[in-house]
Amino acid sequence: MVLTIDAVFDGQVFRPIQPITLPTNLRVQIAVTAEETPVLSFLDVAESLKLEGPPDWSVHLDEYLYGARRLNGH
């Protein structure tokens, strides 16, 4: 019998995500396939959001954030 079980490894044992209906103390063989989540940079995440805005965002960021053009950094 082949049964696919999603589990989390807690450092010592594999913990099934959902209940399993197998007899207690049944010997099984486990084949592990790890699903690694890719680590994304901030720029990768920002680009994936597909944000749209005015072309001068970087020049007038404070104005867009705070509503008024800030003079002399105040």
N, C-alpha and C. Protein backbone atom coordinates (compact mmCIF):
# COMPACT_ATOMS: atom_id res chain seq x y z
N MET A 1 0.85 -1.17 0.00
CA MET A 1 0.00 0.00 0.00
C MET A 1 0.90 1.24 0.00
N VAL A 2 0.55 2.24 -0.79
CA VAL A 2 1.27 3.51 -0.82
C VAL A 2 0.31 4.59 -0.31
N LEU A 3 0.78 5.33 0.68
CA LEU A 3 -0.02 6.39 1.28
C LEU A 3 0.85 7.63 1.35
N THR A 4 0.39 8.73 0.82
CA THR A 4 1.14 9.98 0.88
C THR A 4 0.62 10.79 2.06
N ILE A 5 1.54 11.16 2.94
CA ILE A 5 1.17 11.88 4.15
C ILE A 5 1.97 13.17 4.22
N ASP A 6 1.29 14.30 4.35
CA ASP A 6 1.98 15.57 4.57
C ASP A 6 2.30 15.68 6.05
N ALA A 7 3.55 16.02 6.36
CA ALA A 7 3.97 16.09 7.75
C ALA A 7 4.97 17.22 7.94
N VAL A 8 5.18 17.57 9.20
CA VAL A 8 6.17 18.58 9.57
C VAL A 8 7.19 17.88 10.47
N PHE A 9 8.45 18.09 10.20
CA PHE A 9 9.51 17.52 11.03
C PHE A 9 9.84 18.51 12.13
N ASP A 10 9.69 18.12 13.40
CA ASP A 10 9.90 19.05 14.51
C ASP A 10 11.31 18.99 15.10
N GLY A 11 12.21 18.33 14.41
CA GLY A 11 13.58 18.20 14.90
C GLY A 11 13.85 16.81 15.45
N GLN A 12 12.79 16.08 15.79
CA GLN A 12 12.94 14.72 16.30
C GLN A 12 12.01 13.73 15.61
N VAL A 13 10.79 14.13 15.38
CA VAL A 13 9.82 13.22 14.76
C VAL A 13 9.03 13.94 13.67
N PHE A 14 8.43 13.14 12.80
CA PHE A 14 7.55 13.69 11.78
C PHE A 14 6.13 13.75 12.36
N ARG A 15 5.52 14.92 12.29
CA ARG A 15 4.17 15.12 12.81
C ARG A 15 3.21 15.27 11.62
N PRO A 16 2.29 14.31 11.44
CA PRO A 16 1.33 14.42 10.33
C PRO A 16 0.48 15.67 10.47
N ILE A 17 0.17 16.27 9.34
CA ILE A 17 -0.67 17.48 9.34
C ILE A 17 -2.14 17.10 9.55
N GLN A 18 -2.54 15.95 9.02
CA GLN A 18 -3.92 15.49 9.19
C GLN A 18 -3.91 14.12 9.86
N PRO A 19 -5.01 13.72 10.48
CA PRO A 19 -5.07 12.40 11.13
C PRO A 19 -4.79 11.27 10.14
N ILE A 20 -4.17 10.21 10.65
CA ILE A 20 -3.84 9.04 9.82
C ILE A 20 -4.55 7.83 10.42
N THR A 21 -5.18 7.05 9.57
CA THR A 21 -5.88 5.86 10.06
C THR A 21 -5.05 4.62 9.77
N LEU A 22 -4.01 4.43 10.56
CA LEU A 22 -3.17 3.23 10.47
C LEU A 22 -3.13 2.60 11.86
N PRO A 23 -2.94 1.29 11.91
CA PRO A 23 -2.85 0.63 13.21
C PRO A 23 -1.64 1.13 14.02
N THR A 24 -1.79 1.20 15.33
CA THR A 24 -0.70 1.59 16.22
C THR A 24 0.44 0.58 16.11
N ASN A 25 1.67 1.08 16.17
CA ASN A 25 2.89 0.27 16.13
C ASN A 25 3.12 -0.43 14.80
N LEU A 26 2.45 -0.01 13.74
CA LEU A 26 2.67 -0.57 12.41
C LEU A 26 4.01 -0.09 11.88
N ARG A 27 4.85 -1.00 11.42
CA ARG A 27 6.13 -0.61 10.82
C ARG A 27 5.88 -0.06 9.43
N VAL A 28 6.47 1.09 9.14
CA VAL A 28 6.33 1.71 7.82
C VAL A 28 7.70 2.13 7.33
N GLN A 29 7.80 2.38 6.05
CA GLN A 29 9.01 2.93 5.46
C GLN A 29 8.66 4.31 4.95
N ILE A 30 9.49 5.30 5.28
CA ILE A 30 9.20 6.68 4.93
C ILE A 30 10.20 7.17 3.89
N ALA A 31 9.69 7.72 2.79
CA ALA A 31 10.51 8.39 1.79
C ALA A 31 10.23 9.87 1.92
N VAL A 32 11.26 10.68 2.14
CA VAL A 32 11.08 12.11 2.40
C VAL A 32 11.34 12.92 1.14
N THR A 33 10.38 13.77 0.80
CA THR A 33 10.55 14.75 -0.26
C THR A 33 10.33 16.10 0.38
N ALA A 34 11.39 16.88 0.51
CA ALA A 34 11.29 18.18 1.19
C ALA A 34 10.81 19.23 0.20
N GLU A 35 9.88 20.06 0.67
CA GLU A 35 9.40 21.20 -0.11
C GLU A 35 10.04 22.45 0.46
N GLU A 36 11.12 22.87 -0.12
CA GLU A 36 11.79 24.06 0.37
C GLU A 36 11.13 25.30 -0.19
N THR A 37 10.85 26.22 0.69
CA THR A 37 10.28 27.50 0.28
C THR A 37 11.43 28.41 -0.13
N PRO A 38 11.42 28.89 -1.36
CA PRO A 38 12.52 29.77 -1.78
C PRO A 38 12.53 31.06 -0.97
N VAL A 39 13.71 31.50 -0.64
CA VAL A 39 13.86 32.76 0.09
C VAL A 39 13.87 33.88 -0.93
N LEU A 40 12.92 34.79 -0.81
CA LEU A 40 12.81 35.89 -1.75
C LEU A 40 13.37 37.16 -1.12
N SER A 41 14.02 37.96 -1.94
CA SER A 41 14.50 39.24 -1.46
C SER A 41 13.32 40.23 -1.42
N PHE A 42 13.53 41.34 -0.73
CA PHE A 42 12.50 42.38 -0.69
C PHE A 42 12.13 42.82 -2.11
N LEU A 43 13.14 42.97 -2.97
CA LEU A 43 12.86 43.43 -4.33
C LEU A 43 12.04 42.40 -5.11
N ASP A 44 12.31 41.10 -4.89
CA ASP A 44 11.52 40.06 -5.55
C ASP A 44 10.06 40.15 -5.11
N VAL A 45 9.84 40.33 -3.82
CA VAL A 45 8.47 40.44 -3.30
C VAL A 45 7.80 41.69 -3.84
N ALA A 46 8.49 42.83 -3.78
CA ALA A 46 7.92 44.09 -4.28
C ALA A 46 7.56 43.98 -5.76
N GLU A 47 8.43 43.36 -6.54
CA GLU A 47 8.16 43.21 -7.97
C GLU A 47 6.96 42.29 -8.20
N SER A 48 6.80 41.26 -7.39
CA SER A 48 5.69 40.31 -7.56
C SER A 48 4.34 40.94 -7.25
N LEU A 49 4.32 42.06 -6.49
CA LEU A 49 3.07 42.72 -6.15
C LEU A 49 2.46 43.48 -7.32
N LYS A 50 3.26 43.72 -8.35
CA LYS A 50 2.78 44.42 -9.56
C LYS A 50 2.13 45.75 -9.20
N LEU A 51 2.79 46.50 -8.33
CA LEU A 51 2.27 47.80 -7.92
C LEU A 51 2.33 48.80 -9.08
N GLU A 52 1.33 49.64 -9.14
CA GLU A 52 1.31 50.68 -10.16
C GLU A 52 1.28 52.03 -9.46
N GLY A 53 1.96 52.98 -10.01
CA GLY A 53 1.98 54.31 -9.42
C GLY A 53 2.59 55.29 -10.40
N PRO A 54 2.65 56.54 -9.99
CA PRO A 54 3.21 57.57 -10.86
C PRO A 54 4.71 57.32 -11.10
N PRO A 55 5.21 57.75 -12.23
CA PRO A 55 6.62 57.49 -12.57
C PRO A 55 7.60 58.23 -11.67
N ASP A 56 7.15 59.23 -10.91
CA ASP A 56 8.06 60.00 -10.07
C ASP A 56 7.98 59.60 -8.59
N TRP A 57 7.56 58.37 -8.30
CA TRP A 57 7.44 57.90 -6.92
C TRP A 57 8.71 58.14 -6.13
N SER A 58 9.83 57.74 -6.68
CA SER A 58 11.08 57.83 -5.91
C SER A 58 11.49 59.27 -5.66
N VAL A 59 11.12 60.19 -6.55
CA VAL A 59 11.49 61.60 -6.40
C VAL A 59 10.60 62.29 -5.38
N HIS A 60 9.31 61.98 -5.38
CA HIS A 60 8.33 62.66 -4.52
C HIS A 60 7.69 61.71 -3.51
N LEU A 61 8.46 60.80 -2.96
CA LEU A 61 7.93 59.81 -2.05
C LEU A 61 7.24 60.44 -0.84
N ASP A 62 7.88 61.41 -0.19
CA ASP A 62 7.28 62.06 0.98
C ASP A 62 5.95 62.71 0.65
N GLU A 63 5.88 63.33 -0.50
CA GLU A 63 4.63 63.97 -0.91
C GLU A 63 3.51 62.94 -1.04
N TYR A 64 3.83 61.78 -1.62
CA TYR A 64 2.80 60.74 -1.77
C TYR A 64 2.46 60.09 -0.44
N LEU A 65 3.44 59.96 0.46
CA LEU A 65 3.19 59.35 1.76
C LEU A 65 2.46 60.29 2.72
N TYR A 66 2.88 61.55 2.75
CA TYR A 66 2.39 62.47 3.77
C TYR A 66 1.45 63.55 3.24
N GLY A 67 1.28 63.64 1.94
CA GLY A 67 0.29 64.53 1.37
C GLY A 67 0.75 65.92 1.06
N ALA A 68 1.89 66.36 1.54
CA ALA A 68 2.37 67.69 1.27
C ALA A 68 3.87 67.61 1.03
N ARG A 69 4.33 68.43 0.14
CA ARG A 69 5.77 68.44 -0.13
C ARG A 69 6.51 68.95 1.10
N ARG A 70 7.48 68.21 1.54
CA ARG A 70 8.25 68.57 2.74
C ARG A 70 9.46 69.38 2.32
N LEU A 71 9.64 70.51 2.92
CA LEU A 71 10.76 71.39 2.61
C LEU A 71 11.85 71.25 3.65
N ASN A 72 13.09 71.26 3.21
CA ASN A 72 14.25 71.16 4.11
C ASN A 72 14.16 69.98 5.07
N GLY A 73 13.56 68.87 4.63
CA GLY A 73 13.48 67.70 5.47
C GLY A 73 12.50 67.78 6.61
N HIS A 74 11.63 68.81 6.68
CA HIS A 74 10.67 68.97 7.77
C HIS A 74 9.27 68.86 7.25
